[in-house]
Amino acid sequence: MDSKSGLDIEPEAIHSSPTTTSAVSSTLDDAYEAYKRSDGFEADPSETKRVLRKIDFRIVPILFLTYLLQYLDKNGINYASVYGLRKATKLEGQDFAWLGSIFYFGYLFGQYPSGYLMQRLPIAKFLGCATLGWGTILLTTPACTNFGGMATNRFLLGLMESTVNPGFVLIMSMWYTSAEQPLRLETYYCTNGIATMFGGLIGYAVGHIKSGIARWMYVFLIFGSLSTAMGVVILLFLPDLPSTAKFLNERQRTIAVERVAGNRQGIKNRHFKKYQAIQTIKDPKTYILFIMAVGAQIPNSALTSFSSIIIDSFGFDTLGTQYLQIPGGAVQFLSLLAGGFICTHWPNSRCITMTVANLICIIGAGLLVGLPHNNKWGRLVALWLCYFQGLGFSMSLTIVSSNIAGYTKKQLTGAALFTGYCVGNIIGPQTFKDSEKPGYHSAYIAMLIGYSIKLAMVLLLFFYMFSVNKKRDRENANGIHLTEEQEKEAIEAGMHDVTEIDNHGFRYIL
């Protein structure tokens, strides 16, 4: 027990060598000076709201547009598949399914290096360069003429896009309180639904082009140009830290830091901590989140790379395969915003929200397995129900942003979750066996199994975090209520890069 703080914190959680200044400084948050300036600092609620509004207007639109584009970009082969992509690039048998998997091999390969670089380097500049990179790769896709070229292109695209999801989770924890994160995260994550609708419209419009280059090429040229432009916008306008943001004045920067310090997680620490890496390996949450992500993403390929092919297999015409994706996108969009609203107003409802969304997906997948092949409208509605899956997975991202402390531990846990994300997305396309078309029965069974695994992991995670909270409440003399002094100590520990396991003043948001 640390006699000064009254918190149960391992000595190495504060610094590995108390005799050296460098070791002590490595525990301090990158925004620690701004945090110390907030000692005795008082801002009225209206001023704090104005700062939050300025942050929202600067951060959220950039995340929104970037996420929209990355979703369109990685699923460009879905929209191009019905306009001659497979024939032009000589794809046969399982080749198209492998292109869906190969993207996630690149995504997987980039997880841990990109996580390390985002910790060591200015995060906004790193994300801007990555966005420029994948925009450029998309622009080269029309030059691919065979499976080898397409496979290389998709691997590099996945490598570049591997920065987005983990990077945005870290940005959420750097700029927003735990209570504010669900709605903001769903605001940019709902672009998956918008992209499904928008991509369907673009696919429909491309279908009416009668001249120039091959129609499938237009998809990549349009998306690649937009992403390249977005990379420039990120480099110019997305700030790296609240404590250095130029769009805020000094007082507003102090308010921005003081707000987020209350999460008891700190803001950013550029020093890699070995003990936090070991803790990540030992933490049950790491494995629960990994398995949850695998289960969630096995069905994902059905809603991304294969949705045009699935709708076509139901018996709809080529243009129908494009515009009939729009209702599914609307379901995803509305469910994400509704989930974000619910979890913002009732903070401990995240696991419940994930459970409800996942049960709806299980119903949808069950109908795809069980309905007769001639019931095309029933099967189409079942597919639309599966678009609730985005809500469940996005809420698991808030578990990382809100419930993992220690910057090394946070980025490694995020990398573990997205490793599971990649594994699921690698497996998923392989369940679409060319020999089974147009029925794809194995794929629908795999979707049902994936959703069931995910549901089991959500419930396990809830009971684990609930039990830890109860144990800490019992050990605290004041029960569930921390004293003002204990609150300050827990926040100070967060600003010293102490993990949620070592900081017993930390409580999980359920």
Foldseek 3Di string as FASTA:
>chain_A
DPPVQPWQFDPVLLFDDVVDPVRNVLLFFPCNVLQVVCVVPDDDPVLLVVLVVLCCVQPLVLLQLLLLLLQLQLQLLQLLVLQCPCVQAVPDFLLLLQLLQLLLVLLLVQQPVLLLCCQQDLNLLLLLVLLLQLLVLLLCVVVRRYSVSSSVSSSSNSNSCSNSLLSVLLVLLQQAALLQRLLSLLSRLLSNLVSLQVVLVVSLVLVPDDDDDRSSSVSSNVSSVSSNVSSVVSNVRPGRHLCPHPVDDNSSSSSRQNRSLLLLFARGRSDADPVLVVVLVVDPVLVLLLLLLLLLQLLVCCLGNCQLLLLVLLPDDNSCSRNLSNLLSVLLNVLSNVLSVVCSVVVQCLLVSLLVLLVQLLVLLVCLLPPDSNPSVSNSVSVSSNSSSSNNNSSSSSCLSRVKHFSNNSSVSVSSSVSSNSNNSSNNSVLQGPVPPPSSNSNSVSNNRSSVSNSVSSVVVVVVLVVLLQVLLVVDPNRNDDDPSSSVSSSVSSSSRRIPVSGSSRHGRD
